Structures are given as C-alpha cells and as structure tokens.
Amino acid sequence: MSRLNFIFLLVIVFTVFGCAPATSAPEIQESATPNIQKSDMQTHFLALGDSYTIGQGVSEKNRWPNQLADLLNEKGYPTEITVVARTGWTTADLWYGLEKVNPQRTYDLVTLLIGVNDQFRGYPLDVYREDFQFILRKAIEYADGNADRVIVLSIPDYGYTPASLGRDIEQISLGIDAFNEVNRDETGNAGASYIDITTISRMALDDFELTTGDRLHPSGKMYTLWVKKVLPVALAIIKR
C-alpha cells in the first residue's frame, strides 16, 4: 500500500470513529417514555459510554439504552433515562464529560460501556485498567454506592464489521479480547454485573443489517439483540 493510500485509510477510520478530544461537550439526553406520569416510584437510569451508547447513526429510539428503557416501561417500571456519552470518547474522556454534567442525584440503574477508543488508539492495557477502575468506581457512586445496581457491557468487536474488511481482523479481535479481559476482571472485583455482547457484535459480517450505513456502528437491530441480554439483569436490579 502506498503512503498516500495509507494516509487516506487513516483519515477514513478516524472520521468513522469520530475520535473527539477530551474537551468536547458530552451529548446528554434526559427523557422518559411519553404518557408515563413521573412519580417517586420512577426508575432513574444512567447510561455511560461512547458511540455505542449514544447510538452513532441510529435514531434516539433505536439506541440500546432507549430500547431498554422502553421495555422497562412496558413491564410496568416507569423509567427516566439520562445518557452521558459521545462518539470517540475514551475512558478518561467519559470522566471529563461526567465532570461537566455533574449529575446531582443517584440512580437505580447504571450501565457502563467504554474502552473501544482506548483500544483503537493503542493505549496500554495497564492504563486502561487504571482508568476503568476509576470510572467504574464513579458509576458505583452514582448508583448510591451499590455495585449491584451497575451493569458493565463488554466492548464490541469492530473487526467483524464490513468497514474493517481488508484489515487484520484477528489482530483487532485479540486486542478487543484483551481489553475485555480487563473490564470483566475489574467488574467482578467490584461486584457489579457483566454482560458479554462482543459475541453478538461478531455476527455483523454474516448480516450487514446489524450495522448502520457506515458499516461500522451497530444498527437498531443489533442493539435489540444486546437489550435481550441486558433486560433480565436490569429487571432483577430494579425489583431488588
């Protein structure tokens, strides 16, 4: 590959991933399902992450946290959702974003999905471990100190997407697996719940409808598959 073609490929990849600087303003969403009367019995749900949480390329209703909140509402648990996420955020960027938002309440349910941009940028595993430990502690604090109210989702594998065809899929997957080993271990140490959605993400090369138009980020269809795994755990947390 010529130097010019290599540079062009890098431009495309960084554009798709939208690697934003830490000073970028977070995208914040606060909403409740229409026609649900807010009350003291309402479930307050905080979703933390990056492009996979904000749903790059899909409508708001198709984002996986929104799909989850809608299902909780349908099952009789009125849910208000707050999303703090932005495309391109690393684990450290998520903390900078949270500092700007500075939530003033605690939450009944907190989800955390972060790390793909740390891996993509080539950050060392020990740096990711330290940053993840910190952000997980903060997630638990937002859950009023209750680790059993926190759900961590594994990092999806972008190697198994049409956008990565021609790249070294095996090498990407090994990197994702290594980062997931870190967040899985730290989640277990903290006593929070852990859900593997990486396996689902690796179905995207068999079904192009599982990605958006950029052929990289998950579609609403894939998010629905994630939510099927998250829902039972979220319900158990809320019922407790």
Protein backbone atom coordinates (compact mmCIF):
# COMPACT_ATOMS: atom_id res chain seq x y z
CA MET A 1 0.00 0.00 0.00
CA SER A 2 1.40 3.45 -0.97
CA ARG A 3 1.97 6.09 1.71
CA LEU A 4 -0.81 8.21 0.19
CA ASN A 5 -3.31 5.35 0.33
CA PHE A 6 -2.31 4.56 3.91
CA ILE A 7 -2.90 8.16 4.97
CA PHE A 8 -6.25 8.15 3.17
CA LEU A 9 -7.27 4.97 5.05
CA LEU A 10 -6.35 6.55 8.37
CA VAL A 11 -8.47 9.61 7.56
CA ILE A 12 -11.48 7.39 6.85
CA VAL A 13 -11.06 5.35 10.04
CA PHE A 14 -10.63 8.37 12.30
CA THR A 15 -13.61 10.05 10.67
CA VAL A 16 -15.79 7.00 11.25
CA PHE A 17 -14.72 6.58 14.86
CA GLY A 18 -15.04 10.32 15.45
CA CYS A 19 -12.15 10.46 17.90
CA ALA A 20 -13.12 13.54 19.88
CA PRO A 21 -10.79 15.42 22.24
CA ALA A 22 -11.44 15.26 25.96
CA THR A 23 -12.71 18.82 25.94
CA SER A 24 -15.63 18.01 23.63
CA ALA A 25 -19.03 18.64 25.13
CA PRO A 26 -20.82 15.45 26.11
CA GLU A 27 -24.06 14.52 24.44
CA ILE A 28 -26.63 14.36 27.20
CA GLN A 29 -30.14 13.05 26.91
CA GLU A 30 -32.77 13.06 29.60
CA SER A 31 -36.14 11.61 28.71
CA ALA A 32 -38.99 9.47 29.87
CA THR A 33 -41.37 7.42 27.78
CA PRO A 34 -44.37 9.60 26.78
CA ASN A 35 -47.65 9.30 28.68
CA ILE A 36 -45.93 7.95 31.81
CA GLN A 37 -46.62 10.07 34.88
CA LYS A 38 -43.40 10.84 36.75
CA SER A 39 -43.50 9.79 40.37
CA ASP A 40 -41.33 8.78 43.29
CA MET A 41 -41.65 5.19 42.03
CA GLN A 42 -39.90 6.07 38.80
CA THR A 43 -36.72 4.21 37.91
CA HIS A 44 -33.80 6.54 37.23
CA PHE A 45 -31.39 5.04 34.70
CA LEU A 46 -27.93 6.45 33.86
CA ALA A 47 -26.19 5.13 30.72
CA LEU A 48 -22.48 5.93 30.37
CA GLY A 49 -20.28 5.33 27.35
CA ASP A 50 -19.21 6.35 23.86
CA SER A 51 -20.64 5.95 20.34
CA TYR A 52 -22.10 2.56 21.23
CA THR A 53 -24.20 4.15 23.98
CA ILE A 54 -25.20 7.34 22.18
CA GLY A 55 -26.08 5.21 19.15
CA GLN A 56 -23.97 6.69 16.37
CA GLY A 57 -26.00 6.52 13.17
CA VAL A 58 -29.35 5.41 14.64
CA SER A 59 -32.40 7.31 15.82
CA GLU A 60 -32.80 8.09 19.50
CA LYS A 61 -35.49 5.46 19.97
CA ASN A 62 -33.22 2.77 18.48
CA ARG A 63 -30.29 3.38 20.83
CA TRP A 64 -29.90 0.40 23.11
CA PRO A 65 -30.39 2.36 26.37
CA ASN A 66 -33.62 3.81 24.96
CA GLN A 67 -34.82 0.39 23.83
CA LEU A 68 -34.12 -0.91 27.32
CA ALA A 69 -35.99 1.96 28.97
CA ASP A 70 -38.97 1.41 26.68
CA LEU A 71 -39.13 -2.29 27.62
CA LEU A 72 -38.90 -1.44 31.33
CA ASN A 73 -41.81 0.95 30.88
CA GLU A 74 -43.82 -1.72 29.10
CA LYS A 75 -43.22 -4.08 32.01
CA GLY A 76 -44.60 -1.57 34.49
CA TYR A 77 -41.42 0.15 35.63
CA PRO A 78 -41.66 3.82 34.60
CA THR A 79 -38.11 4.73 33.62
CA GLU A 80 -36.38 8.05 33.13
CA ILE A 81 -33.10 7.79 31.25
CA THR A 82 -30.02 10.00 31.32
CA VAL A 83 -27.33 9.30 28.71
CA VAL A 84 -23.83 10.72 29.05
CA ALA A 85 -21.83 9.63 26.02
CA ARG A 86 -20.12 10.87 22.88
CA THR A 87 -18.63 9.30 19.78
CA GLY A 88 -14.87 8.93 20.13
CA TRP A 89 -14.69 9.09 23.89
CA THR A 90 -12.02 7.15 25.73
CA THR A 91 -12.47 6.09 29.33
CA ALA A 92 -10.75 9.26 30.52
CA ASP A 93 -12.92 11.39 28.20
CA LEU A 94 -16.03 9.90 29.77
CA TRP A 95 -14.92 11.12 33.17
CA TYR A 96 -14.25 14.63 31.81
CA GLY A 97 -17.74 14.58 30.34
CA LEU A 98 -19.28 13.47 33.62
CA GLU A 99 -17.47 16.27 35.42
CA LYS A 100 -19.09 18.76 33.06
CA VAL A 101 -22.54 17.24 33.50
CA ASN A 102 -22.07 16.78 37.26
CA PRO A 103 -25.23 14.73 37.97
CA GLN A 104 -26.79 15.80 41.26
CA ARG A 105 -28.73 12.64 42.03
CA THR A 106 -28.16 8.91 42.42
CA TYR A 107 -29.59 6.29 40.09
CA ASP A 108 -31.44 3.00 40.45
CA LEU A 109 -29.64 1.54 37.43
CA VAL A 110 -26.29 2.50 35.89
CA THR A 111 -24.77 0.96 32.76
CA LEU A 112 -21.20 1.35 31.54
CA LEU A 113 -19.78 0.51 28.11
CA ILE A 114 -16.38 2.07 27.45
CA GLY A 115 -12.97 1.18 26.08
CA VAL A 116 -13.10 0.71 22.32
CA ASN A 117 -11.40 4.04 21.67
CA ASP A 118 -8.71 3.25 24.25
CA GLN A 119 -8.01 0.05 22.34
CA PHE A 120 -8.24 1.70 18.92
CA ARG A 121 -5.73 4.39 19.90
CA GLY A 122 -3.31 1.80 21.17
CA TYR A 123 -3.41 2.71 24.86
CA PRO A 124 -1.56 0.24 27.11
CA LEU A 125 -3.70 -2.26 29.00
CA ASP A 126 -2.42 -1.08 32.36
CA VAL A 127 -3.53 2.48 31.56
CA TYR A 128 -6.97 1.22 30.56
CA ARG A 129 -7.20 -0.86 33.72
CA GLU A 130 -6.43 2.14 35.91
CA ASP A 131 -8.89 4.39 34.04
CA PHE A 132 -11.58 1.71 34.02
CA GLN A 133 -11.20 1.08 37.74
CA PHE A 134 -11.72 4.78 38.33
CA ILE A 135 -14.77 5.20 36.07
CA LEU A 136 -16.35 2.02 37.46
CA ARG A 137 -15.97 3.39 40.99
CA LYS A 138 -17.69 6.55 39.83
CA ALA A 139 -20.50 4.52 38.24
CA ILE A 140 -21.00 2.77 41.58
CA GLU A 141 -21.06 6.12 43.36
CA TYR A 142 -23.84 7.27 41.00
CA ALA A 143 -25.66 4.07 41.98
CA ASP A 144 -25.62 5.32 45.58
CA GLY A 145 -22.65 3.10 46.37
CA ASN A 146 -24.44 -0.09 45.31
CA ALA A 147 -22.30 -2.12 42.90
CA ASP A 148 -25.24 -4.48 42.38
CA ARG A 149 -27.09 -1.67 40.58
CA VAL A 150 -24.35 -1.38 37.94
CA ILE A 151 -24.15 -3.29 34.65
CA VAL A 152 -20.96 -3.31 32.56
CA LEU A 153 -21.20 -4.32 28.91
CA SER A 154 -18.23 -5.77 27.07
CA ILE A 155 -16.61 -3.88 24.19
CA PRO A 156 -18.00 -4.84 20.75
CA ASP A 157 -15.55 -6.14 18.13
CA TYR A 158 -15.33 -3.63 15.27
CA GLY A 159 -13.07 -6.06 13.41
CA TYR A 160 -16.17 -8.08 12.50
CA THR A 161 -17.81 -5.26 10.56
CA PRO A 162 -17.96 -4.59 6.82
CA ALA A 163 -15.93 -1.39 7.38
CA SER A 164 -12.98 -3.47 8.58
CA LEU A 165 -12.82 -5.80 5.59
CA GLY A 166 -9.24 -5.90 4.37
CA ARG A 167 -7.82 -5.21 7.82
CA ASP A 168 -6.29 -7.75 10.19
CA ILE A 169 -9.47 -8.99 11.87
CA GLU A 170 -7.64 -11.49 14.05
CA GLN A 171 -5.34 -8.81 15.44
CA ILE A 172 -8.25 -6.46 16.16
CA SER A 173 -10.15 -9.24 17.92
CA LEU A 174 -7.16 -10.16 20.06
CA GLY A 175 -6.93 -6.54 21.14
CA ILE A 176 -10.63 -6.34 21.96
CA ASP A 177 -10.44 -9.61 23.90
CA ALA A 178 -7.52 -8.29 25.95
CA PHE A 179 -9.38 -5.11 26.86
CA ASN A 180 -12.50 -7.09 27.70
CA GLU A 181 -10.49 -9.35 29.98
CA VAL A 182 -9.53 -6.22 31.91
CA ASN A 183 -13.05 -4.79 32.24
CA ARG A 184 -14.52 -8.21 33.05
CA ASP A 185 -11.99 -8.80 35.83
CA GLU A 186 -12.47 -5.34 37.31
CA THR A 187 -16.26 -5.67 37.14
CA GLY A 188 -16.10 -8.95 39.03
CA ASN A 189 -13.76 -7.46 41.62
CA ALA A 190 -16.17 -4.59 42.18
CA GLY A 191 -19.24 -6.83 42.49
CA ALA A 192 -21.12 -5.37 39.50
CA SER A 193 -22.91 -7.33 36.75
CA TYR A 194 -21.12 -8.09 33.47
CA ILE A 195 -22.77 -8.83 30.12
CA ASP A 196 -20.93 -10.11 27.06
CA ILE A 197 -22.26 -8.50 23.89
CA THR A 198 -18.98 -8.99 21.98
CA THR A 199 -20.15 -12.36 20.68
CA ILE A 200 -23.24 -10.72 19.19
CA SER A 201 -21.13 -7.99 17.57
CA ARG A 202 -19.17 -10.67 15.72
CA MET A 203 -22.31 -11.60 13.78
CA ALA A 204 -22.10 -8.39 11.72
CA LEU A 205 -20.13 -9.92 8.87
CA ASP A 206 -22.89 -12.50 8.36
CA ASP A 207 -25.70 -9.95 8.47
CA PHE A 208 -24.98 -6.45 7.17
CA GLU A 209 -28.28 -5.25 8.65
CA LEU A 210 -26.58 -5.41 12.05
CA THR A 211 -24.59 -2.26 11.20
CA THR A 212 -25.61 1.25 10.19
CA GLY A 213 -24.89 2.94 6.87
CA ASP A 214 -21.26 3.48 7.85
CA ARG A 215 -20.91 -0.32 8.07
CA LEU A 216 -19.13 0.10 11.40
CA HIS A 217 -21.52 1.09 14.17
CA PRO A 218 -24.34 -1.18 15.37
CA SER A 219 -27.82 -0.77 13.94
CA GLY A 220 -31.03 -0.75 15.92
CA LYS A 221 -31.38 -4.42 15.02
CA MET A 222 -28.11 -5.30 16.74
CA TYR A 223 -28.95 -3.10 19.73
CA THR A 224 -32.16 -5.10 20.12
CA LEU A 225 -30.08 -8.27 20.47
CA TRP A 226 -27.99 -6.58 23.17
CA VAL A 227 -31.09 -5.48 25.05
CA LYS A 228 -32.42 -9.04 25.16
CA LYS A 229 -29.35 -9.94 27.23
CA VAL A 230 -29.43 -6.81 29.39
CA LEU A 231 -33.16 -6.79 30.18
CA PRO A 232 -33.29 -9.75 32.64
CA VAL A 233 -30.38 -8.34 34.62
CA ALA A 234 -31.87 -4.84 34.65
CA LEU A 235 -35.24 -6.18 35.82
CA ALA A 236 -33.60 -8.11 38.65
CA ILE A 237 -31.81 -4.96 39.76
CA ILE A 238 -34.98 -2.85 39.69
CA LYS A 239 -37.03 -5.48 41.52
CA ARG A 240 -34.42 -5.59 44.29
